[in-house]
Protein backbone atom coordinates (compact mmCIF):
# COMPACT_ATOMS: atom_id res chain seq x y z
CA MET A 1 96.29 128.20 134.48
CA LYS A 2 94.29 125.62 136.39
CA SER A 3 96.10 122.70 138.01
CA LEU A 4 95.90 119.31 136.60
CA PRO A 5 93.72 118.00 139.68
CA SER A 6 91.24 120.88 139.03
CA LEU A 7 90.98 120.07 135.35
CA LEU A 8 90.40 116.42 136.05
CA LEU A 9 87.84 117.15 138.55
CA ALA A 10 86.09 119.38 135.92
CA ALA A 11 86.45 116.61 133.40
CA ALA A 12 84.92 114.22 135.77
CA THR A 13 82.03 116.61 136.27
CA LEU A 14 81.40 117.06 132.68
CA VAL A 15 81.65 113.36 131.67
CA SER A 16 79.31 112.48 134.73
CA ALA A 17 76.72 115.02 133.79
CA HIS A 18 76.81 113.87 130.14
CA ALA A 19 76.58 110.33 131.19
CA SER A 20 73.55 110.98 133.40
CA ILE A 21 71.71 112.58 130.64
CA ALA A 22 72.72 109.90 128.13
CA ALA A 23 71.61 107.08 130.62
CA GLY A 24 68.28 108.86 131.20
CA GLN A 25 68.52 107.41 134.78
CA THR A 26 68.45 109.19 138.17
CA SER A 27 70.39 106.39 139.66
CA TYR A 28 73.34 106.65 137.16
CA PRO A 29 75.77 105.11 137.68
CA ASN A 30 74.75 101.94 139.52
CA HIS A 31 77.74 99.86 138.48
CA PRO A 32 81.21 100.35 137.19
CA VAL A 33 82.10 102.65 134.16
CA GLN A 34 84.47 101.64 131.46
CA LEU A 35 86.97 104.27 130.21
CA VAL A 36 88.30 103.10 126.93
CA VAL A 37 91.93 104.30 125.87
CA THR A 38 93.13 104.19 122.25
CA VAL A 39 96.64 103.24 123.29
CA PRO A 40 98.46 100.43 125.27
CA PRO A 41 99.39 100.86 128.92
CA GLY A 42 102.23 103.00 129.77
CA GLY A 43 102.04 106.05 127.64
CA ALA A 44 100.88 109.67 128.13
CA ALA A 45 97.30 108.93 127.22
CA ASP A 46 97.06 106.00 129.53
CA PHE A 47 98.55 107.96 132.31
CA VAL A 48 95.92 110.79 131.73
CA ALA A 49 93.21 107.99 131.62
CA ARG A 50 94.26 106.54 134.88
CA LEU A 51 94.17 110.05 136.53
CA ILE A 52 90.80 110.71 135.13
CA GLY A 53 89.62 107.37 135.99
CA ALA A 54 90.60 107.90 139.63
CA LYS A 55 88.79 111.28 139.77
CA LEU A 56 85.71 109.95 137.95
CA SER A 57 85.47 107.10 140.38
CA ASP A 58 85.56 109.57 143.32
CA ALA A 59 82.91 111.68 141.72
CA LEU A 60 80.60 108.90 140.75
CA GLY A 61 80.97 106.62 143.64
CA GLN A 62 81.57 103.68 141.34
CA PRO A 63 84.73 101.92 139.89
CA VAL A 64 86.21 103.28 136.54
CA VAL A 65 87.83 100.46 134.84
CA ILE A 66 90.56 101.46 132.36
CA SER A 67 90.44 99.46 129.17
CA ASN A 68 93.40 99.84 126.78
CA ARG A 69 92.23 98.81 123.32
CA ALA A 70 95.20 99.84 121.22
CA GLY A 71 95.44 99.25 117.40
CA ALA A 72 94.88 100.85 114.10
CA GLY A 73 95.74 104.19 115.34
CA GLY A 74 92.87 104.19 117.83
CA ILE A 75 90.28 102.73 115.50
CA VAL A 76 89.96 99.52 117.44
CA ALA A 77 89.03 101.53 120.71
CA ALA A 78 86.67 103.90 118.89
CA ALA A 79 84.79 101.22 117.17
CA ALA A 80 84.28 99.44 120.35
CA VAL A 81 82.70 102.41 122.00
CA ALA A 82 80.71 103.29 119.13
CA LYS A 83 79.17 99.80 119.19
CA SER A 84 78.57 99.86 122.78
CA ASP A 85 75.17 100.49 124.45
CA PRO A 86 74.44 104.36 124.58
CA ASP A 87 73.96 104.20 128.39
CA GLY A 88 77.02 106.31 129.58
CA TYR A 89 78.83 103.28 130.96
CA THR A 90 81.46 103.09 128.23
CA LEU A 91 83.42 106.21 127.61
CA LEU A 92 86.23 106.85 125.19
CA LEU A 93 89.29 108.90 125.98
CA ASN A 94 90.33 109.49 122.40
CA THR A 95 92.93 111.52 120.38
CA ILE A 96 92.79 113.48 117.14
CA ALA A 97 93.76 110.28 115.40
CA THR A 98 90.27 108.67 115.77
CA HIS A 99 88.13 111.62 115.07
CA GLY A 100 90.25 114.06 113.16
CA ILE A 101 92.83 112.35 111.25
CA GLY A 102 91.16 108.90 110.73
CA PRO A 103 88.10 110.04 108.76
CA HIS A 104 90.54 111.85 106.12
CA ILE A 105 92.91 108.73 105.65
CA TYR A 106 90.74 105.75 105.94
CA ALA A 107 87.65 105.29 103.54
CA ASN A 108 85.75 102.87 105.55
CA LEU A 109 85.83 103.51 109.26
CA PRO A 110 83.75 101.04 111.44
CA TYR A 111 82.13 104.11 113.05
CA ASP A 112 80.96 107.69 112.12
CA PRO A 113 83.08 110.30 114.28
CA VAL A 114 80.04 112.57 114.33
CA LYS A 115 76.96 110.59 114.60
CA ASP A 116 78.37 107.82 116.84
CA PHE A 117 79.78 109.96 119.45
CA SER A 118 78.91 112.96 121.82
CA PRO A 119 81.86 115.05 122.64
CA VAL A 120 82.17 115.86 126.41
CA GLY A 121 85.09 118.05 126.61
CA LEU A 122 88.94 118.70 125.97
CA ILE A 123 90.69 116.95 128.71
CA VAL A 124 94.32 117.58 127.93
CA LYS A 125 96.61 118.92 125.28
CA LEU A 126 99.63 116.93 124.49
CA PRO A 127 102.10 118.63 122.26
CA LEU A 128 104.32 117.02 119.70
CA ILE A 129 107.92 117.69 120.38
CA MET A 130 110.79 117.62 117.87
CA ALA A 131 114.06 116.39 119.22
CA VAL A 132 117.52 115.80 117.60
CA ASN A 133 120.51 113.72 118.68
CA SER A 134 122.65 115.77 120.91
CA GLU A 135 125.54 115.68 118.28
CA VAL A 136 123.54 117.24 115.49
CA PRO A 137 124.29 121.03 115.30
CA ALA A 138 120.55 122.07 115.74
CA ARG A 139 119.16 123.73 118.96
CA SER A 140 115.70 125.01 117.51
CA VAL A 141 113.34 124.23 114.55
CA ALA A 142 114.89 127.21 112.73
CA ASP A 143 118.39 125.47 113.01
CA VAL A 144 116.76 121.92 111.79
CA ILE A 145 115.27 123.81 108.76
CA ALA A 146 118.55 125.52 108.00
CA LEU A 147 120.42 122.07 108.17
CA ALA A 148 117.81 120.53 105.96
CA LYS A 149 118.37 123.14 103.35
CA ALA A 150 122.13 123.25 103.68
CA ARG A 151 122.18 119.55 103.14
CA PRO A 152 119.32 118.42 100.72
CA GLU A 153 120.87 115.09 100.04
CA ARG A 154 120.58 114.06 103.68
CA ARG A 155 117.32 112.43 104.97
CA ILE A 156 117.27 114.04 108.28
CA LEU A 157 113.43 113.73 109.36
CA PRO A 158 112.50 110.12 110.18
CA ALA A 159 108.98 109.40 111.30
CA SER A 160 107.10 106.38 112.50
CA CYS A 161 104.44 105.08 110.10
CA SER A 162 101.40 104.64 112.36
CA ARG A 163 99.18 107.09 110.74
CA ALA A 164 98.24 108.27 114.15
CA SER A 165 98.59 111.93 115.41
CA PRO A 166 102.36 112.47 114.79
CA GLU A 167 102.36 111.05 111.29
CA PRO A 168 100.58 113.86 109.37
CA SER A 169 102.87 116.47 111.12
CA CYS A 170 105.98 114.66 110.16
CA CYS A 171 104.70 114.37 106.52
CA THR A 172 103.99 118.14 106.20
CA PHE A 173 106.94 119.44 107.99
CA PRO A 174 109.63 118.34 105.37
CA THR A 175 107.73 119.96 102.78
CA ALA A 176 107.57 123.35 104.46
CA ALA A 177 111.23 122.90 105.42
CA ALA A 178 112.29 121.89 101.81
CA ALA A 179 113.83 118.54 103.35
CA ARG A 180 113.68 114.86 102.40
CA ARG A 181 111.77 112.62 104.64
CA TRP A 182 112.17 108.82 105.19
CA SER A 183 110.11 106.60 107.23
CA ILE A 184 111.34 104.00 109.43
CA SER A 185 109.31 101.08 111.09
CA LEU A 186 109.55 101.13 114.84
CA PRO A 187 108.43 98.37 117.07
CA ASP A 188 104.65 98.87 117.99
CA ALA A 189 103.93 98.32 121.64
CA SER A 190 100.34 97.59 120.78
CA ARG A 191 101.18 94.31 118.77
């Protein structure tokens, strides 16, 4: 398995090669590049963006400015990039929410996920993790399913209501586990 720095350098190479072609310039880049992130500062995607931004800056010889444009499950950021000049100076670090999930749950996205973007590469995989309170007698997914089936009257699987990447997984798991699901509203850091 490659190390994170080598993966970031590979990502920087892929993005910079793509940007040069998109810009159609031999002097690209000749001013700062903006990397738009779909989440507020402080989360995993923001952390990855800052690592990538530093490597891109080194590889390109220009500053890479991280622009956090949180909101609507990434739609705000994706729309901003879709409307930007196609010159390679505005890049999007997106998630499955903007291009995989959004088109299936929103009828009128302000961008076309296929026509308005050119994919550059897979940067990082961020898994979803299931966790329970330490007092819950479950230590595996199988234990959670068994607990749900043993106590069908209990609502044991809360989830956020963001319609971003964790939401569909949280919606389908209870069906597969024969459990009841309930949603709770959690404070949204992007508001």
